[in-house]
């Protein structure tokens, strides 16, 4: 059975933490259900904005809003700080540019 230490011993990664970080990146890239679940969790527990949750989930802002509603999570509307507003504007710009 393959284990984390084997990848480090083979000099494929510098550390066990690097193996785990890479594995998590690949897992989240391949599994949209996990990205969405993580985005919802962070939205509820870490007070990230709707735009940040959408970016983490890999969906548009309107899609993330609908996903939250479908899962019984009430979206918080409007940024609380100027920095959050700037981030949301940038995420929306990026989303619109991607659709062109």
Protein backbone atom coordinates (compact mmCIF):
# COMPACT_ATOMS: atom_id res chain seq x y z
CA UNK A 1 0.00 0.00 0.00
CA UNK A 2 1.27 3.46 -0.91
CA UNK A 3 1.79 5.93 1.90
CA UNK A 4 2.87 9.53 2.27
CA UNK A 5 6.32 8.62 3.55
CA UNK A 6 7.05 6.64 0.36
CA UNK A 7 6.58 9.75 -1.77
CA UNK A 8 8.92 11.74 0.46
CA UNK A 9 11.50 8.92 0.58
CA UNK A 10 11.46 8.72 -3.23
CA UNK A 11 12.29 12.47 -3.27
CA UNK A 12 9.08 13.25 -5.15
CA UNK A 13 8.03 15.72 -2.43
CA UNK A 14 10.00 17.70 0.11
CA UNK A 15 7.76 16.80 3.05
CA UNK A 16 4.68 14.90 4.14
CA UNK A 17 2.82 18.21 4.36
CA UNK A 18 3.65 18.92 0.69
CA UNK A 19 2.21 15.53 -0.30
CA UNK A 20 -0.99 16.19 1.63
CA UNK A 21 -1.37 19.73 0.24
CA UNK A 22 -0.93 18.48 -3.34
CA UNK A 23 -3.36 15.60 -2.75
CA UNK A 24 -5.97 18.01 -1.38
CA UNK A 25 -5.51 20.37 -4.34
CA UNK A 26 -6.05 17.52 -6.81
CA UNK A 27 -8.99 16.14 -4.84
CA UNK A 28 -10.75 19.50 -4.73
CA UNK A 29 -10.04 20.16 -8.41
CA UNK A 30 -11.63 16.82 -9.38
CA UNK A 31 -14.57 16.80 -6.95
CA UNK A 32 -16.91 19.74 -7.38
CA UNK A 33 -19.17 18.37 -4.63
CA UNK A 34 -16.31 18.71 -2.14
CA UNK A 35 -15.45 22.24 -3.34
CA UNK A 36 -19.07 23.29 -2.92
CA UNK A 37 -19.37 21.64 0.48
CA UNK A 38 -16.19 23.33 1.67
CA UNK A 39 -17.36 26.70 0.33
CA UNK A 40 -20.68 26.35 2.18
CA UNK A 41 -18.90 25.36 5.40
CA UNK A 42 -16.50 28.30 5.18
CA UNK A 43 -19.36 30.68 4.28
CA UNK A 44 -21.27 29.59 7.39
CA UNK A 45 -18.37 29.28 9.84
CA UNK A 46 -15.57 31.57 8.69
CA UNK A 47 -17.60 34.56 7.58
CA UNK A 48 -16.30 34.65 4.00
CA UNK A 49 -18.27 36.64 1.45
CA UNK A 50 -20.61 35.14 -1.09
CA UNK A 51 -18.14 36.08 -3.83
CA UNK A 52 -15.29 34.29 -2.03
CA UNK A 53 -17.49 31.23 -1.50
CA UNK A 54 -18.39 31.22 -5.19
CA UNK A 55 -14.73 31.46 -6.19
CA UNK A 56 -13.80 28.63 -3.82
CA UNK A 57 -16.64 26.47 -5.16
CA UNK A 58 -15.73 27.24 -8.76
CA UNK A 59 -19.17 28.57 -9.61
CA UNK A 60 -20.61 31.99 -10.43
CA UNK A 61 -21.96 34.32 -7.77
CA UNK A 62 -25.61 33.70 -8.80
CA UNK A 63 -25.02 29.93 -8.83
CA UNK A 64 -23.52 30.05 -5.33
CA UNK A 65 -26.47 32.04 -4.07
CA UNK A 66 -28.86 29.41 -5.46
CA UNK A 67 -26.78 26.56 -4.00
CA UNK A 68 -26.90 28.19 -0.56
CA UNK A 69 -30.66 28.64 -0.77
CA UNK A 70 -31.12 25.02 -1.93
CA UNK A 71 -29.07 23.85 1.07
CA UNK A 72 -31.09 25.95 3.49
CA UNK A 73 -28.42 28.58 4.08
CA UNK A 74 -29.63 32.18 4.03
CA UNK A 75 -27.25 34.28 1.92
CA UNK A 76 -25.86 37.39 3.57
CA UNK A 77 -26.35 40.20 1.13
CA UNK A 78 -23.94 43.06 0.79
CA UNK A 79 -20.33 43.36 1.90
CA UNK A 80 -19.58 44.52 5.41
CA UNK A 81 -16.35 46.34 4.58
CA UNK A 82 -14.94 48.31 1.68
CA UNK A 83 -12.31 45.60 1.11
CA UNK A 84 -15.05 42.92 0.85
CA UNK A 85 -16.87 45.13 -1.67
CA UNK A 86 -13.72 45.45 -3.77
CA UNK A 87 -13.16 41.69 -3.71
CA UNK A 88 -16.76 41.02 -4.72
CA UNK A 89 -16.51 43.50 -7.59
CA UNK A 90 -13.31 41.83 -8.83
CA UNK A 91 -14.82 38.33 -8.62
CA UNK A 92 -17.89 39.50 -10.55
CA UNK A 93 -15.69 41.16 -13.20
CA UNK A 94 -13.66 37.97 -13.56
CA UNK A 95 -16.86 35.94 -13.86
CA UNK A 96 -18.32 38.22 -16.54
CA UNK A 97 -15.04 38.31 -18.49
CA UNK A 98 -14.98 34.50 -18.46
CA UNK A 99 -18.41 34.43 -20.07
CA UNK A 100 -17.41 36.65 -23.00
